[in-house]
């Protein structure tokens, strides 16, 4: 096989054992090789600039800088970047944000090695790779009412256990503004109270603890 046909892959994950496992699966194949490993989004951007890999496997939640921010930055600089989100999270908000940022595929870490290889080849060929259950969650997300940036901020603070007064102080808004935001959030999420809104937000990946 000619050297030019080999798919050059960058792995971005904050767990060394995951990096090693992925590298072993990828390097078994004659047509792909790992050319770099990054442990967070900042390192991912630097390595991408240096190596310009054919395909990047990107975790979503990492220290320093998460996957969505890194994907956004890389795709803004390199419009031909081919990135696959590889994560343990399958909340519809996670999927939506990852794909909206510019990723071309979305895989869960419990996928089979063959599916990982298929996804890499598919994305390298310029197509999207979105498994059916991910596509179904994405379709569901598209029908949900969109939360505004302010509502998202409020909801994430609610999920951290803050009361209205504390949220108002944190965001420099009045308590009545917090209340009206929370009422809209409950309505949009179809939640009956703050606790249920928090559970929904965590399950969908809108907030994380």
Foldseek 3Di string as FASTA:
>chain_A
DDPVQAFEEEEEAQDPVLVVVLQVLQVVDPRYHYDYYHNALVVVLVVCVVPVGLEYEAEADGPPHGRLVSLLVNCVVPVNYEYEYEYQALFLVSLQSNVVSPHQEYHYPVDDSVLVVVQSVQSSVVHGYYDPVSVVSPVVVVPQDDQDPLLLLLLQVLLVVDDLVVSCVVVVHDSVVSVVSVVVLCVRQVHPDSVRSNVSCCNNVSYHD
